[in-house]
Amino acid sequence: MDKFEAIRTFIKVVEAHSFTAAARELGLSRSAVSKSVSQLEGNLGAQLLNRSTRFVSPTETGAAYYDRCVTILADLENADLHVQELQGEPKGSIRLNAPMSFGTLHMGSAIADFMELYPKVRIEATLNDRFIDPIEEGFDLTIRIAKLTDSSLIAKKLAPAKRVLCAAPGYLQDHPELKKPADLKFHNCLHYGYLPTGSTWHLDGPDGLHSILINGMLCSNNAEMLIAGALRGAGIALLPTFIVGAELQAGRLISLLTDYQPPEIAIYALYPPNRHLSAKLRLLIDFLSARFGDPPYWDLVT
């Protein structure tokens, strides 16, 4: 018995729920498929399939064995692909998802530079702020800016994502002085919508953690809209430095309450564990990590 072929046959039967359908896809006779699976069961000393005249389903043991076999065969195929890729110039497609603001401000130029280095790699980039499931939507690489919770995805930290309270000098001249986090209640706060924390800003400082329910005349899920409001003196914004770094450097915005920091978040590259980390994907992740770095270039100007 060729065990690898028997395993591939078993996988096909599980996925087709039928010996006949599996045989048709494999180009074998039904009896050959049935015999192969039976030999595999005999070799393992365990029943892998529940058989009926109309439907085939894995046993509990069979389901666990199927999951392991799929992973092992995928790893073998990926190893072959990796060797082939190492023999030549990286090529093929990478489906990439990234947040809108970070994508337009930083990913565009980074991807252009990457493609100059590797002209045979095709990037299919989708930018949005919707929380997506990379596995379900078929993305090879997802850029996520967050404090990561437990996930089935593999994550590589690319850079920290520092956030600052900031406002235009004109706003500060016309409004009460901001000395402590509680003073934010008396200011117009430009609020990023759809955050898990709602309308509450959390700031940690030398006197502990402060949670402030903020008020404001502008709430948006678009950072460019918030920064435009801040630059026009509409209020105080809490924004990542990858968006406001240049404005802070130029003095168009001023950092506030610098002894108080919001909870740490970071910029991560995420990819599914069952997705082959091909040479081209590894190259892109390493390129982005070196490009953004720690500290990232946008923080060097704040």
Protein backbone atom coordinates (compact mmCIF):
# COMPACT_ATOMS: atom_id res chain seq x y z
CA MET A 1 0.00 0.00 0.00
CA ASP A 2 1.23 3.47 -0.94
CA LYS A 3 0.28 5.28 2.26
CA PHE A 4 0.44 8.79 0.82
CA GLU A 5 -1.86 7.80 -2.04
CA ALA A 6 -4.18 6.07 0.43
CA ILE A 7 -4.29 9.23 2.53
CA ARG A 8 -5.05 11.38 -0.52
CA THR A 9 -7.83 8.98 -1.45
CA PHE A 10 -9.24 9.08 2.09
CA ILE A 11 -9.22 12.90 2.03
CA LYS A 12 -11.09 12.92 -1.28
CA VAL A 13 -13.74 10.51 0.04
CA VAL A 14 -14.32 12.67 3.13
CA GLU A 15 -14.66 15.81 1.02
CA ALA A 16 -16.93 14.17 -1.57
CA HIS A 17 -18.99 12.26 1.07
CA SER A 18 -19.02 9.38 -1.37
CA PHE A 19 -16.76 6.60 -2.67
CA THR A 20 -18.31 6.92 -6.11
CA ALA A 21 -17.83 10.69 -6.36
CA ALA A 22 -14.28 10.40 -5.04
CA ALA A 23 -13.49 7.67 -7.56
CA ARG A 24 -14.83 9.86 -10.38
CA GLU A 25 -12.62 12.79 -9.34
CA LEU A 26 -9.57 10.58 -8.92
CA GLY A 27 -10.11 8.68 -12.15
CA LEU A 28 -10.24 5.32 -10.31
CA SER A 29 -12.82 2.60 -9.90
CA ARG A 30 -15.09 2.69 -6.87
CA SER A 31 -13.73 -0.65 -5.73
CA ALA A 32 -10.13 0.65 -5.90
CA VAL A 33 -11.05 3.65 -3.76
CA SER A 34 -12.90 1.51 -1.22
CA LYS A 35 -10.02 -0.97 -1.05
CA SER A 36 -7.46 1.82 -0.53
CA VAL A 37 -9.39 3.29 2.40
CA SER A 38 -9.99 -0.14 3.93
CA GLN A 39 -6.26 -0.90 3.75
CA LEU A 40 -5.53 2.43 5.44
CA GLU A 41 -7.98 1.60 8.22
CA GLY A 42 -6.42 -1.83 8.61
CA ASN A 43 -2.96 -0.32 8.78
CA LEU A 44 -4.10 2.12 11.47
CA GLY A 45 -6.27 -0.34 13.34
CA ALA A 46 -9.14 2.16 13.43
CA GLN A 47 -12.39 2.82 11.58
CA LEU A 48 -12.15 6.14 9.78
CA LEU A 49 -15.47 6.26 7.93
CA ASN A 50 -19.12 5.59 8.61
CA ARG A 51 -20.48 3.89 5.48
CA SER A 52 -24.02 3.76 4.16
CA THR A 53 -25.46 3.09 0.73
CA ARG A 54 -26.06 6.80 0.13
CA PHE A 55 -23.60 8.75 2.29
CA VAL A 56 -20.13 8.48 3.77
CA SER A 57 -19.02 10.49 6.79
CA PRO A 58 -15.91 10.41 8.98
CA THR A 59 -16.00 8.89 12.43
CA GLU A 60 -14.73 11.00 15.31
CA THR A 61 -11.33 9.39 14.83
CA GLY A 62 -11.60 9.83 11.08
CA ALA A 63 -12.40 13.54 11.39
CA ALA A 64 -9.33 14.12 13.57
CA TYR A 65 -7.17 12.08 11.19
CA TYR A 66 -8.54 14.02 8.21
CA ASP A 67 -7.59 17.36 9.78
CA ARG A 68 -4.06 16.21 10.47
CA CYS A 69 -3.63 14.67 7.03
CA VAL A 70 -4.82 17.80 5.25
CA THR A 71 -2.28 19.87 7.17
CA ILE A 72 0.57 17.41 6.55
CA LEU A 73 -0.07 17.13 2.81
CA ALA A 74 -0.41 20.90 2.52
CA ASP A 75 2.94 21.30 4.28
CA LEU A 76 4.56 18.85 1.87
CA GLU A 77 3.14 20.65 -1.15
CA ASN A 78 4.24 23.98 0.29
CA ALA A 79 7.74 22.65 0.88
CA ASP A 80 7.92 21.68 -2.80
CA LEU A 81 6.68 25.13 -3.80
CA HIS A 82 9.18 26.83 -1.53
CA VAL A 83 12.10 24.94 -3.07
CA GLN A 84 10.86 25.79 -6.56
CA GLU A 85 10.56 29.48 -5.65
CA LEU A 86 14.07 29.57 -4.23
CA GLN A 87 15.41 28.42 -7.59
CA GLY A 88 14.13 31.49 -9.39
CA GLU A 89 12.87 35.04 -9.10
CA PRO A 90 9.80 35.45 -6.84
CA LYS A 91 6.62 35.70 -8.87
CA GLY A 92 2.88 35.27 -8.57
CA SER A 93 0.11 37.14 -6.77
CA ILE A 94 -0.33 38.32 -3.19
CA ARG A 95 -3.81 39.36 -2.02
CA LEU A 96 -3.33 42.12 0.54
CA ASN A 97 -5.80 43.89 2.83
CA ALA A 98 -4.97 47.03 4.84
CA PRO A 99 -6.77 49.84 6.69
CA MET A 100 -7.73 52.79 4.50
CA SER A 101 -5.74 55.62 6.11
CA PHE A 102 -2.59 53.62 6.75
CA GLY A 103 -2.85 52.14 3.27
CA THR A 104 -3.10 55.45 1.45
CA LEU A 105 -0.46 57.22 3.58
CA HIS A 106 2.19 54.52 3.88
CA MET A 107 1.41 51.25 2.09
CA GLY A 108 1.17 52.73 -1.40
CA SER A 109 4.76 53.94 -1.60
CA ALA A 110 6.02 50.85 0.25
CA ILE A 111 4.32 48.49 -2.21
CA ALA A 112 5.60 50.52 -5.18
CA ASP A 113 9.16 50.18 -3.88
CA PHE A 114 8.68 46.46 -3.22
CA MET A 115 7.44 45.89 -6.77
CA GLU A 116 10.49 47.69 -8.16
CA LEU A 117 12.63 45.12 -6.36
CA TYR A 118 10.43 42.18 -7.39
CA PRO A 119 8.70 43.11 -10.66
CA LYS A 120 7.20 39.64 -11.20
CA VAL A 121 5.16 39.80 -7.98
CA ARG A 122 1.60 41.02 -8.54
CA ILE A 123 -0.07 42.76 -5.59
CA GLU A 124 -3.88 42.75 -5.33
CA ALA A 125 -4.53 45.35 -2.62
CA THR A 126 -7.87 46.07 -0.95
CA LEU A 127 -8.12 49.00 1.46
CA ASN A 128 -10.97 49.32 3.95
CA ASP A 129 -11.59 49.80 7.65
CA ARG A 130 -14.01 46.90 7.92
CA PHE A 131 -12.93 44.10 10.27
CA ILE A 132 -12.46 41.20 7.89
CA ASP A 133 -11.86 37.48 8.24
CA PRO A 134 -8.72 36.94 6.11
CA ILE A 135 -9.30 33.20 5.82
CA GLU A 136 -12.92 33.51 4.75
CA GLU A 137 -12.20 36.31 2.29
CA GLY A 138 -9.07 34.71 0.87
CA PHE A 139 -6.39 37.28 1.74
CA ASP A 140 -2.78 36.13 1.87
CA LEU A 141 -1.71 39.04 4.07
CA THR A 142 -3.68 41.43 6.27
CA ILE A 143 -2.33 44.59 7.89
CA ARG A 144 -4.15 45.19 11.17
CA ILE A 145 -3.69 48.06 13.64
CA ALA A 146 -4.94 46.96 17.04
CA LYS A 147 -4.18 45.33 20.32
CA LEU A 148 -4.36 41.76 19.19
CA THR A 149 -6.45 39.22 21.03
CA ASP A 150 -6.08 35.46 20.69
CA SER A 151 -6.42 34.54 17.05
CA SER A 152 -6.07 31.60 14.71
CA LEU A 153 -3.92 33.84 12.53
CA ILE A 154 -0.15 34.11 12.70
CA ALA A 155 0.95 37.67 13.54
CA LYS A 156 4.23 39.50 13.00
CA LYS A 157 4.56 42.93 14.59
CA LEU A 158 5.73 45.48 12.03
CA ALA A 159 5.81 48.62 14.17
CA PRO A 160 4.25 50.28 17.21
CA ALA A 161 1.26 52.55 16.56
CA LYS A 162 1.62 55.43 18.99
CA ARG A 163 -1.43 57.67 19.46
CA VAL A 164 -1.48 61.26 20.68
CA LEU A 165 -3.99 63.84 21.82
CA CYS A 166 -3.57 66.87 19.58
CA ALA A 167 -5.20 70.12 18.55
CA ALA A 168 -4.46 73.21 16.46
CA PRO A 169 -2.84 76.21 18.18
CA GLY A 170 -5.89 78.30 17.33
CA TYR A 171 -8.21 75.95 19.18
CA LEU A 172 -6.02 76.02 22.27
CA GLN A 173 -5.98 79.82 22.34
CA ASP A 174 -9.78 80.02 22.36
CA HIS A 175 -10.60 77.25 24.87
CA PRO A 176 -9.87 76.39 28.51
CA GLU A 177 -6.41 75.06 29.32
CA LEU A 178 -6.09 71.29 29.29
CA LYS A 179 -4.22 70.26 32.46
CA LYS A 180 -5.56 66.79 33.26
CA PRO A 181 -7.58 64.08 31.47
CA ALA A 182 -10.80 65.06 33.27
CA ASP A 183 -10.61 68.47 31.54
CA LEU A 184 -11.44 66.75 28.24
CA LYS A 185 -15.10 66.72 29.35
CA PHE A 186 -15.16 70.47 28.74
CA HIS A 187 -13.71 70.31 25.24
CA ASN A 188 -15.00 69.45 21.80
CA CYS A 189 -13.42 66.06 21.10
CA LEU A 190 -13.18 64.77 17.54
CA HIS A 191 -14.10 61.14 17.92
CA TYR A 192 -13.17 58.12 15.84
CA GLY A 193 -16.35 56.09 15.44
CA TYR A 194 -16.92 52.37 15.71
CA LEU A 195 -14.19 51.73 18.28
CA PRO A 196 -14.76 48.95 20.85
CA THR A 197 -14.39 51.58 23.59
CA GLY A 198 -17.30 53.61 22.21
CA SER A 199 -17.19 57.29 23.24
CA THR A 200 -14.77 56.68 26.11
CA TRP A 201 -11.10 57.60 25.89
CA HIS A 202 -8.71 55.71 28.18
CA LEU A 203 -5.48 57.44 29.22
CA ASP A 204 -2.82 56.00 31.50
CA GLY A 205 -0.53 58.41 33.36
CA PRO A 206 1.52 58.92 36.50
CA ASP A 207 -1.63 59.05 38.63
CA GLY A 208 -3.21 55.94 37.13
CA LEU A 209 -5.74 55.09 34.46
CA HIS A 210 -8.39 57.63 33.47
CA SER A 211 -11.53 56.78 31.52
CA ILE A 212 -13.25 59.85 30.11
CA LEU A 213 -16.63 59.90 28.38
CA ILE A 214 -15.94 62.52 25.77
CA ASN A 215 -18.26 64.95 24.00
CA GLY A 216 -17.88 66.25 20.49
CA MET A 217 -19.64 67.62 17.45
CA LEU A 218 -17.80 65.34 15.03
CA CYS A 219 -17.63 61.54 15.03
CA SER A 220 -16.24 59.75 11.99
CA ASN A 221 -14.72 56.42 11.04
CA ASN A 222 -12.38 58.27 8.68
CA ALA A 223 -9.16 59.66 10.16
CA GLU A 224 -8.65 62.15 7.33
CA MET A 225 -11.94 63.81 8.25
CA LEU A 226 -10.89 64.05 11.89
CA ILE A 227 -7.48 65.51 11.10
CA ALA A 228 -9.08 68.06 8.78
CA GLY A 229 -11.35 69.12 11.64
CA ALA A 230 -8.43 69.33 14.04
CA LEU A 231 -6.40 71.46 11.62
CA ARG A 232 -9.34 73.87 11.26
CA GLY A 233 -9.48 74.28 15.04
CA ALA A 234 -12.67 72.27 15.50
CA GLY A 235 -11.45 70.37 18.56
CA ILE A 236 -9.11 67.84 20.13
CA ALA A 237 -8.39 64.56 18.35
CA LEU A 238 -6.83 61.30 19.50
CA LEU A 239 -5.00 60.04 16.44
CA PRO A 240 -2.10 57.74 15.55
CA THR A 241 1.21 59.39 14.77
CA PHE A 242 1.39 57.68 11.40
CA ILE A 243 -1.40 60.11 10.44
CA VAL A 244 -0.45 63.28 12.34
CA GLY A 245 3.36 63.00 12.50
CA ALA A 246 3.99 65.54 9.75
CA GLU A 247 1.42 67.97 11.19
CA LEU A 248 3.08 67.80 14.61
CA GLN A 249 6.51 68.36 13.08
CA ALA A 250 5.27 71.41 11.20
CA GLY A 251 3.55 72.86 14.27
CA ARG A 252 0.11 72.78 12.67
CA LEU A 253 -0.97 70.49 15.51
CA ILE A 254 0.33 70.37 19.09
CA SER A 255 0.58 67.29 21.32
CA LEU A 256 -1.43 67.52 24.56
CA LEU A 257 -1.23 65.74 27.93
CA THR A 258 1.99 64.04 26.86
CA ASP A 259 2.34 62.31 30.25
CA TYR A 260 -0.84 60.35 29.52
CA GLN A 261 -0.93 57.58 26.96
CA PRO A 262 -3.79 55.54 25.49
CA PRO A 263 -3.47 51.73 25.61
CA GLU A 264 -0.72 50.39 23.37
CA ILE A 265 -1.61 49.14 19.93
CA ALA A 266 0.64 48.08 17.08
CA ILE A 267 0.74 47.43 13.36
CA TYR A 268 0.73 43.73 12.54
CA ALA A 269 1.05 41.58 9.47
CA LEU A 270 -1.36 38.67 9.76
CA TYR A 271 -1.55 35.54 7.66
CA PRO A 272 -3.47 32.28 8.00
CA PRO A 273 -1.51 29.36 9.48
CA ASN A 274 -2.72 27.06 6.72
CA ARG A 275 -1.63 29.52 3.99
CA HIS A 276 1.75 28.73 2.46
CA LEU A 277 4.25 31.36 3.57
CA SER A 278 5.78 31.50 0.13
CA ALA A 279 9.06 33.15 -0.68
CA LYS A 280 7.24 36.17 -2.12
CA LEU A 281 5.04 36.55 0.97
CA ARG A 282 7.98 36.20 3.34
CA LEU A 283 9.89 38.78 1.32
CA LEU A 284 6.98 41.24 1.53
CA ILE A 285 6.58 40.80 5.30
CA ASP A 286 10.31 41.26 5.88
CA PHE A 287 10.34 44.29 3.57
CA LEU A 288 7.45 45.96 5.44
CA SER A 289 9.05 45.20 8.81
CA ALA A 290 12.30 46.85 7.73
CA ARG A 291 10.43 49.72 6.07
CA PHE A 292 8.35 50.72 9.09
CA GLY A 293 10.72 49.57 11.84
CA ASP A 294 10.78 50.34 15.55
CA PRO A 295 10.72 53.24 15.98
CA PRO A 296 8.85 53.86 12.72
CA TYR A 297 9.96 56.75 10.55
CA TRP A 298 6.79 58.78 11.23
CA ASP A 299 7.62 58.91 14.96
CA LEU A 300 11.08 60.32 14.33
CA VAL A 301 9.51 63.64 13.37
CA THR A 302 7.17 64.06 16.36
